[in-house]
Amino acid sequence: MTTKELLYVEDALGHEQYFQTKCSETANQIQDSELKTFAQQLEQKHKEIFQSFYSLL
C-alpha cells in the first residue's frame, strides 16, 4: 500500500470508531426500545466496518 492509501485507511478507521462511540452513547440515552435497538444495530454495523478496514492492514 502507498502512504496515501494507508492514510485513507487510518482516517476511515478513526471515522468508524467515532461512529461506534456516538451510536453507543445515543443508544444509552434513548428510552424507546425500538429506537434503542436500531442504534445498537448501527453500532454493531460500524464495528463490522471497522474490522473490515482493520483487516486490510
N, C-alpha and C. Protein backbone atom coordinates (compact mmCIF):
# COMPACT_ATOMS: atom_id res chain seq x y z
N MET A 1 0.83 -1.19 0.00
CA MET A 1 0.00 0.00 0.00
C MET A 1 0.88 1.25 0.00
N THR A 2 0.38 2.24 -0.67
CA THR A 2 1.10 3.51 -0.68
C THR A 2 0.83 4.25 0.62
N THR A 3 1.62 5.28 0.86
CA THR A 3 1.43 6.11 2.05
C THR A 3 0.05 6.74 2.05
N LYS A 4 -0.38 7.21 0.89
CA LYS A 4 -1.69 7.84 0.78
C LYS A 4 -2.81 6.85 1.09
N GLU A 5 -2.68 5.63 0.61
CA GLU A 5 -3.69 4.60 0.88
C GLU A 5 -3.74 4.26 2.37
N LEU A 6 -2.58 4.18 2.99
CA LEU A 6 -2.54 3.90 4.43
C LEU A 6 -3.17 5.04 5.23
N LEU A 7 -2.95 6.26 4.79
CA LEU A 7 -3.58 7.40 5.46
C LEU A 7 -5.10 7.35 5.32
N TYR A 8 -5.57 6.91 4.15
CA TYR A 8 -7.01 6.78 3.94
C TYR A 8 -7.59 5.73 4.89
N VAL A 9 -6.93 4.59 5.00
CA VAL A 9 -7.40 3.52 5.87
C VAL A 9 -7.39 4.00 7.33
N GLU A 10 -6.33 4.70 7.73
CA GLU A 10 -6.24 5.23 9.09
C GLU A 10 -7.39 6.21 9.36
N ASP A 11 -7.67 7.06 8.40
CA ASP A 11 -8.76 8.02 8.53
C ASP A 11 -10.11 7.29 8.63
N ALA A 12 -10.30 6.30 7.79
CA ALA A 12 -11.55 5.53 7.81
C ALA A 12 -11.72 4.80 9.14
N LEU A 13 -10.65 4.26 9.69
CA LEU A 13 -10.72 3.60 10.99
C LEU A 13 -11.15 4.58 12.07
N GLY A 14 -10.59 5.78 12.04
CA GLY A 14 -10.95 6.80 13.01
C GLY A 14 -12.42 7.19 12.91
N HIS A 15 -12.91 7.31 11.68
CA HIS A 15 -14.31 7.65 11.49
C HIS A 15 -15.22 6.54 12.03
N GLU A 16 -14.87 5.32 11.75
CA GLU A 16 -15.70 4.20 12.21
C GLU A 16 -15.71 4.10 13.73
N GLN A 17 -14.57 4.36 14.36
CA GLN A 17 -14.53 4.37 15.83
C GLN A 17 -15.42 5.47 16.37
N TYR A 18 -15.38 6.63 15.73
CA TYR A 18 -16.21 7.76 16.15
C TYR A 18 -17.70 7.40 16.03
N PHE A 19 -18.08 6.82 14.88
CA PHE A 19 -19.48 6.44 14.68
C PHE A 19 -19.92 5.39 15.70
N GLN A 20 -19.06 4.44 16.00
CA GLN A 20 -19.35 3.42 17.02
C GLN A 20 -19.64 4.08 18.35
N THR A 21 -18.77 4.97 18.75
CA THR A 21 -18.91 5.66 20.03
C THR A 21 -20.21 6.45 20.09
N LYS A 22 -20.50 7.20 19.04
CA LYS A 22 -21.71 8.02 19.02
C LYS A 22 -22.97 7.15 19.03
N CYS A 23 -22.97 6.06 18.31
CA CYS A 23 -24.13 5.15 18.31
C CYS A 23 -24.33 4.55 19.70
N SER A 24 -23.25 4.18 20.35
CA SER A 24 -23.33 3.62 21.69
C SER A 24 -23.87 4.65 22.68
N GLU A 25 -23.32 5.86 22.62
CA GLU A 25 -23.78 6.93 23.52
C GLU A 25 -25.26 7.22 23.30
N THR A 26 -25.65 7.27 22.04
CA THR A 26 -27.05 7.55 21.71
C THR A 26 -27.96 6.43 22.20
N ALA A 27 -27.56 5.19 21.98
CA ALA A 27 -28.37 4.04 22.42
C ALA A 27 -28.57 4.07 23.93
N ASN A 28 -27.55 4.49 24.67
CA ASN A 28 -27.65 4.56 26.12
C ASN A 28 -28.59 5.66 26.61
N GLN A 29 -28.86 6.64 25.76
CA GLN A 29 -29.71 7.75 26.15
C GLN A 29 -31.17 7.58 25.69
N ILE A 30 -31.41 6.68 24.77
CA ILE A 30 -32.75 6.51 24.21
C ILE A 30 -33.61 5.65 25.12
N GLN A 31 -34.84 6.09 25.33
CA GLN A 31 -35.80 5.35 26.15
C GLN A 31 -36.64 4.37 25.32
N ASP A 32 -36.96 4.77 24.09
CA ASP A 32 -37.77 3.93 23.21
C ASP A 32 -37.00 2.67 22.82
N SER A 33 -37.55 1.51 23.12
CA SER A 33 -36.81 0.26 22.90
C SER A 33 -36.53 -0.02 21.42
N GLU A 34 -37.45 0.36 20.55
CA GLU A 34 -37.24 0.12 19.12
C GLU A 34 -36.11 1.00 18.57
N LEU A 35 -36.10 2.26 18.95
CA LEU A 35 -35.02 3.16 18.53
C LEU A 35 -33.69 2.76 19.16
N LYS A 36 -33.73 2.31 20.41
CA LYS A 36 -32.51 1.86 21.11
C LYS A 36 -31.90 0.67 20.37
N THR A 37 -32.75 -0.27 19.97
CA THR A 37 -32.28 -1.44 19.22
C THR A 37 -31.67 -1.02 17.89
N PHE A 38 -32.31 -0.07 17.23
CA PHE A 38 -31.79 0.42 15.95
C PHE A 38 -30.40 1.04 16.13
N ALA A 39 -30.23 1.87 17.14
CA ALA A 39 -28.93 2.50 17.40
C ALA A 39 -27.87 1.44 17.73
N GLN A 40 -28.26 0.40 18.45
CA GLN A 40 -27.33 -0.68 18.77
C GLN A 40 -26.94 -1.46 17.52
N GLN A 41 -27.89 -1.62 16.61
CA GLN A 41 -27.58 -2.29 15.34
C GLN A 41 -26.61 -1.46 14.51
N LEU A 42 -26.81 -0.15 14.52
CA LEU A 42 -25.87 0.73 13.82
C LEU A 42 -24.48 0.64 14.42
N GLU A 43 -24.42 0.59 15.74
CA GLU A 43 -23.13 0.44 16.42
C GLU A 43 -22.44 -0.84 15.97
N GLN A 44 -23.19 -1.93 15.92
CA GLN A 44 -22.64 -3.22 15.50
C GLN A 44 -22.15 -3.16 14.05
N LYS A 45 -22.91 -2.51 13.19
CA LYS A 45 -22.52 -2.38 11.78
C LYS A 45 -21.20 -1.62 11.65
N HIS A 46 -21.04 -0.56 12.44
CA HIS A 46 -19.80 0.20 12.39
C HIS A 46 -18.63 -0.60 12.95
N LYS A 47 -18.88 -1.48 13.91
CA LYS A 47 -17.83 -2.38 14.40
C LYS A 47 -17.37 -3.31 13.28
N GLU A 48 -18.34 -3.82 12.51
CA GLU A 48 -18.02 -4.72 11.40
C GLU A 48 -17.22 -4.00 10.32
N ILE A 49 -17.62 -2.78 10.01
CA ILE A 49 -16.90 -1.98 9.01
C ILE A 49 -15.48 -1.70 9.49
N PHE A 50 -15.34 -1.36 10.78
CA PHE A 50 -14.02 -1.13 11.36
C PHE A 50 -13.15 -2.37 11.18
N GLN A 51 -13.69 -3.53 11.49
CA GLN A 51 -12.93 -4.78 11.36
C GLN A 51 -12.53 -5.04 9.91
N SER A 52 -13.40 -4.71 8.99
CA SER A 52 -13.08 -4.88 7.56
C SER A 52 -11.90 -4.00 7.16
N PHE A 53 -11.94 -2.73 7.56
CA PHE A 53 -10.82 -1.84 7.27
C PHE A 53 -9.55 -2.31 7.97
N TYR A 54 -9.68 -2.70 9.23
CA TYR A 54 -8.52 -3.12 10.02
C TYR A 54 -7.85 -4.35 9.39
N SER A 55 -8.66 -5.22 8.83
CA SER A 55 -8.10 -6.44 8.22
C SER A 55 -7.26 -6.13 6.98
N LEU A 56 -7.43 -4.95 6.41
CA LEU A 56 -6.61 -4.55 5.27
C LEU A 56 -5.15 -4.36 5.67
N LEU A 57 -4.96 -4.07 6.96
CA LEU A 57 -3.59 -3.83 7.44
C LEU A 57 -2.97 -5.15 7.75
